[in-house]
Amino acid sequence: MILHLLDYAGAAVFAISGALAAGRKSLDMLGVVVIAMVTATGGGTIRDLLLDRNPVFWIGDPLYVVVIIVAALATIPYTRWMRPPLQILQIADALGLAFFSIAGAQVAISAGHSGLIAVIMATITGAFGGLIRDVLCNEIPMILRKGQLYAVAVIVGASVYVVALEIGLSRWPATIVGMLTVAGFRFGAIVWNWSLPVYSLPDAPDRSQD
């Protein structure tokens, strides 16, 4: 029950991040709901299609849709009365990333897949909704931005979750540890600018003067 509530919470915070992204692009209310919906359901939908799960999670449980719409619409009056800090989108996204990614790993493990597949599905579940959101909002996806610890945070957190289960930790404590790891890495990247080394090729020499 608690884990299911956390899943709804993940949908809500992803919807909020989608609504804020839509607001930054001055979309109308339908646009806000659409962006919130794809942000909160995109990754989980791709996961379920890859794992051949029927029905897709939000079709099987329409309460997800209700939570997403309510969270998105509630964001509109809040931001009209109080301007959110510049980093609130990243903070909301980090919380959604933590909730949804570990839920994605749980789905893969419950379906009998290996730890490696669980980590991959966690990454898809947590990161791909935000990727679709950023593409629709004409932004460079956060998962691809230079030096961002985004997918890396999910990979590390999901790996910690899988290892915790392997060494005998029960599901609930392993879930908490995994979520805290994902959120911790994302908050570290936001607050202290943690980043990966950037790979870039030097410009080709200009031989026009030869």
Protein backbone atom coordinates (compact mmCIF):
# COMPACT_ATOMS: atom_id res chain seq x y z
CA MET A 1 0.00 0.00 0.00
CA ILE A 2 2.77 2.44 0.95
CA LEU A 3 4.74 1.61 -2.19
CA HIS A 4 1.63 2.20 -4.31
CA LEU A 5 1.12 5.59 -2.67
CA LEU A 6 4.75 6.45 -3.46
CA ASP A 7 4.04 5.55 -7.08
CA TYR A 8 1.12 8.00 -7.14
CA ALA A 9 3.38 10.58 -5.52
CA GLY A 10 5.93 10.03 -8.29
CA ALA A 11 3.23 10.59 -10.90
CA ALA A 12 2.15 13.78 -9.14
CA VAL A 13 5.62 15.33 -8.93
CA PHE A 14 6.40 14.39 -12.55
CA ALA A 15 3.10 16.01 -13.54
CA ILE A 16 4.11 19.14 -11.64
CA SER A 17 7.45 19.26 -13.44
CA GLY A 18 5.62 18.85 -16.75
CA ALA A 19 3.15 21.62 -15.88
CA LEU A 20 6.00 23.96 -14.92
CA ALA A 21 7.79 23.20 -18.18
CA ALA A 22 4.57 23.96 -20.08
CA GLY A 23 4.18 27.22 -18.15
CA ARG A 24 7.69 28.28 -19.10
CA LYS A 25 6.62 27.89 -22.75
CA SER A 26 3.31 29.75 -22.15
CA LEU A 27 1.11 26.86 -23.25
CA ASP A 28 -2.65 26.88 -22.66
CA MET A 29 -4.38 24.69 -20.07
CA LEU A 30 -4.77 21.77 -22.48
CA GLY A 31 -1.08 22.02 -23.29
CA VAL A 32 -0.28 21.98 -19.57
CA VAL A 33 -2.28 18.78 -19.06
CA VAL A 34 -0.80 17.11 -22.15
CA ILE A 35 2.81 17.88 -21.16
CA ALA A 36 2.11 16.79 -17.57
CA MET A 37 0.58 13.55 -18.84
CA VAL A 38 3.44 12.58 -21.13
CA THR A 39 5.99 13.50 -18.47
CA ALA A 40 4.34 11.31 -15.84
CA THR A 41 3.39 8.36 -18.06
CA GLY A 42 5.93 8.35 -20.89
CA GLY A 43 8.67 6.31 -19.26
CA GLY A 44 6.34 3.80 -17.63
CA THR A 45 4.43 3.34 -20.88
CA ILE A 46 7.62 2.54 -22.83
CA ARG A 47 8.69 0.15 -20.03
CA ASP A 48 5.37 -1.70 -20.09
CA LEU A 49 5.43 -2.01 -23.88
CA LEU A 50 8.99 -3.40 -23.80
CA LEU A 51 8.09 -5.88 -21.06
CA ASP A 52 4.83 -6.80 -22.82
CA ARG A 53 2.75 -5.85 -19.77
CA ASN A 54 -0.95 -5.57 -20.47
CA PRO A 55 -2.64 -3.29 -19.81
CA VAL A 56 -0.20 -0.37 -19.59
CA PHE A 57 -0.06 0.81 -15.97
CA TRP A 58 -2.17 3.96 -16.30
CA ILE A 59 -4.80 2.19 -18.39
CA GLY A 60 -5.06 -0.58 -15.81
CA ASP A 61 -5.31 1.98 -13.00
CA PRO A 62 -6.97 5.21 -14.25
CA LEU A 63 -6.39 6.82 -10.85
CA TYR A 64 -2.94 7.70 -12.19
CA VAL A 65 -4.62 9.89 -14.81
CA VAL A 66 -6.74 11.60 -12.14
CA VAL A 67 -3.66 12.25 -9.95
CA ILE A 68 -1.73 13.66 -12.91
CA ILE A 69 -4.52 16.00 -14.06
CA VAL A 70 -5.21 17.25 -10.53
CA ALA A 71 -1.50 17.87 -9.86
CA ALA A 72 -1.07 19.69 -13.19
CA LEU A 73 -4.11 21.91 -12.75
CA ALA A 74 -3.26 22.66 -9.10
CA THR A 75 0.15 23.88 -10.24
CA ILE A 76 -1.43 26.68 -12.31
CA PRO A 77 -3.04 28.72 -9.47
CA TYR A 78 -0.08 28.07 -7.19
CA THR A 79 2.37 29.57 -9.67
CA ARG A 80 0.05 32.53 -10.30
CA TRP A 81 0.10 33.44 -6.61
CA MET A 82 3.69 32.51 -5.91
CA ARG A 83 6.52 32.48 -8.43
CA PRO A 84 8.41 29.19 -8.02
CA PRO A 85 12.19 29.28 -7.56
CA LEU A 86 14.19 28.63 -10.71
CA GLN A 87 15.32 25.23 -9.45
CA ILE A 88 11.86 23.95 -8.50
CA LEU A 89 11.46 22.18 -11.86
CA GLN A 90 14.66 20.25 -11.24
CA ILE A 91 13.69 19.47 -7.64
CA ALA A 92 10.25 18.16 -8.65
CA ASP A 93 11.87 16.19 -11.44
CA ALA A 94 14.42 14.70 -9.03
CA LEU A 95 11.69 13.48 -6.67
CA GLY A 96 9.71 11.98 -9.54
CA LEU A 97 12.89 10.38 -10.83
CA ALA A 98 13.52 8.73 -7.45
CA PHE A 99 9.96 7.42 -7.06
CA PHE A 100 9.43 6.20 -10.61
CA SER A 101 12.85 4.71 -11.34
CA ILE A 102 12.83 2.31 -8.40
CA ALA A 103 9.22 1.41 -9.23
CA GLY A 104 10.44 0.53 -12.72
CA ALA A 105 13.13 -1.73 -11.30
CA GLN A 106 10.52 -3.42 -9.11
CA VAL A 107 8.30 -4.11 -12.11
CA ALA A 108 11.15 -5.76 -14.02
CA ILE A 109 12.22 -7.90 -11.06
CA SER A 110 8.61 -8.93 -10.35
CA ALA A 111 8.39 -10.08 -13.97
CA GLY A 112 11.38 -12.37 -13.39
CA HIS A 113 14.04 -10.36 -15.21
CA SER A 114 17.67 -10.01 -14.18
CA GLY A 115 19.21 -7.18 -12.20
CA LEU A 116 20.72 -5.71 -15.38
CA ILE A 117 17.33 -5.53 -17.09
CA ALA A 118 15.87 -4.05 -13.89
CA VAL A 119 18.43 -1.22 -14.00
CA ILE A 120 17.69 -0.57 -17.69
CA MET A 121 13.94 -0.51 -17.06
CA ALA A 122 14.45 1.79 -14.08
CA THR A 123 16.32 4.20 -16.34
CA ILE A 124 13.61 4.10 -19.00
CA THR A 125 10.83 4.52 -16.42
CA GLY A 126 12.49 7.42 -14.64
CA ALA A 127 14.11 9.34 -17.47
CA PHE A 128 12.13 8.91 -20.67
CA GLY A 129 9.03 10.85 -19.59
CA GLY A 130 11.23 13.89 -19.00
CA LEU A 131 12.94 13.28 -22.33
CA ILE A 132 9.59 13.34 -24.17
CA ARG A 133 8.58 16.47 -22.20
CA ASP A 134 11.74 18.32 -23.18
CA VAL A 135 11.44 17.33 -26.85
CA LEU A 136 7.83 18.55 -26.99
CA CYS A 137 8.87 21.80 -25.28
CA ASN A 138 11.72 22.27 -27.79
CA GLU A 139 14.43 21.92 -25.14
CA ILE A 140 17.59 19.83 -25.10
CA PRO A 141 16.49 16.79 -23.04
CA MET A 142 17.81 16.93 -19.50
CA ILE A 143 19.14 13.40 -19.90
CA LEU A 144 21.41 14.65 -22.73
CA ARG A 145 22.52 18.00 -21.29
CA LYS A 146 26.22 18.45 -20.86
CA GLY A 147 27.54 17.03 -17.61
CA GLN A 148 24.11 16.34 -16.05
CA LEU A 149 23.90 13.48 -13.53
CA TYR A 150 20.41 12.42 -14.59
CA ALA A 151 20.33 8.93 -16.05
CA VAL A 152 23.49 8.26 -14.06
CA ALA A 153 21.59 8.95 -10.84
CA VAL A 154 18.99 6.36 -11.84
CA ILE A 155 21.61 3.80 -12.85
CA VAL A 156 23.42 4.15 -9.53
CA GLY A 157 20.24 4.17 -7.43
CA ALA A 158 18.68 1.22 -9.25
CA SER A 159 21.95 -0.71 -8.97
CA VAL A 160 22.01 -0.05 -5.23
CA TYR A 161 18.42 -1.30 -5.03
CA VAL A 162 19.24 -4.51 -6.92
CA VAL A 163 22.37 -5.17 -4.85
CA ALA A 164 20.43 -4.53 -1.62
CA LEU A 165 17.92 -7.22 -2.64
CA GLU A 166 20.72 -9.59 -3.60
CA ILE A 167 22.38 -9.34 -0.18
CA GLY A 168 19.11 -10.16 1.54
CA LEU A 169 17.59 -6.78 2.37
CA SER A 170 13.80 -6.85 2.26
CA ARG A 171 11.92 -4.97 -0.46
CA TRP A 172 10.82 -1.96 1.60
CA PRO A 173 14.26 -0.98 3.05
CA ALA A 174 15.88 -1.66 -0.34
CA THR A 175 13.33 0.67 -1.96
CA ILE A 176 14.08 3.47 0.49
CA VAL A 177 17.83 3.09 0.01
CA GLY A 178 17.46 3.08 -3.78
CA MET A 179 15.21 6.15 -3.81
CA LEU A 180 17.48 8.08 -1.47
CA THR A 181 20.45 7.26 -3.70
CA VAL A 182 18.71 8.50 -6.85
CA ALA A 183 17.46 11.68 -5.16
CA GLY A 184 20.80 12.27 -3.46
CA PHE A 185 22.74 12.13 -6.71
CA ARG A 186 20.28 14.44 -8.47
CA PHE A 187 20.23 16.97 -5.62
CA GLY A 188 24.02 16.86 -5.53
CA ALA A 189 24.11 17.64 -9.25
CA ILE A 190 21.64 20.50 -8.77
CA VAL A 191 23.20 22.08 -5.68
CA TRP A 192 26.91 21.37 -6.16
CA ASN A 193 27.01 21.00 -9.95
CA TRP A 194 28.20 17.41 -9.91
CA SER A 195 28.80 16.33 -13.46
CA LEU A 196 30.43 13.73 -15.65
CA PRO A 197 33.50 14.51 -17.74
CA VAL A 198 32.51 15.93 -21.12
CA TYR A 199 33.76 14.29 -24.29
CA SER A 200 34.48 16.64 -27.17
CA LEU A 201 36.54 16.35 -30.31
CA PRO A 202 38.92 19.17 -31.23
CA ASP A 203 37.99 21.21 -34.27
CA ALA A 204 39.51 19.99 -37.52
CA PRO A 205 42.48 22.12 -38.57
CA ASP A 206 41.68 24.76 -41.19
CA ARG A 207 43.72 23.83 -44.27
CA SER A 208 42.17 26.49 -46.51
CA GLN A 209 45.28 28.62 -46.07
CA ASP A 210 47.66 25.83 -47.14
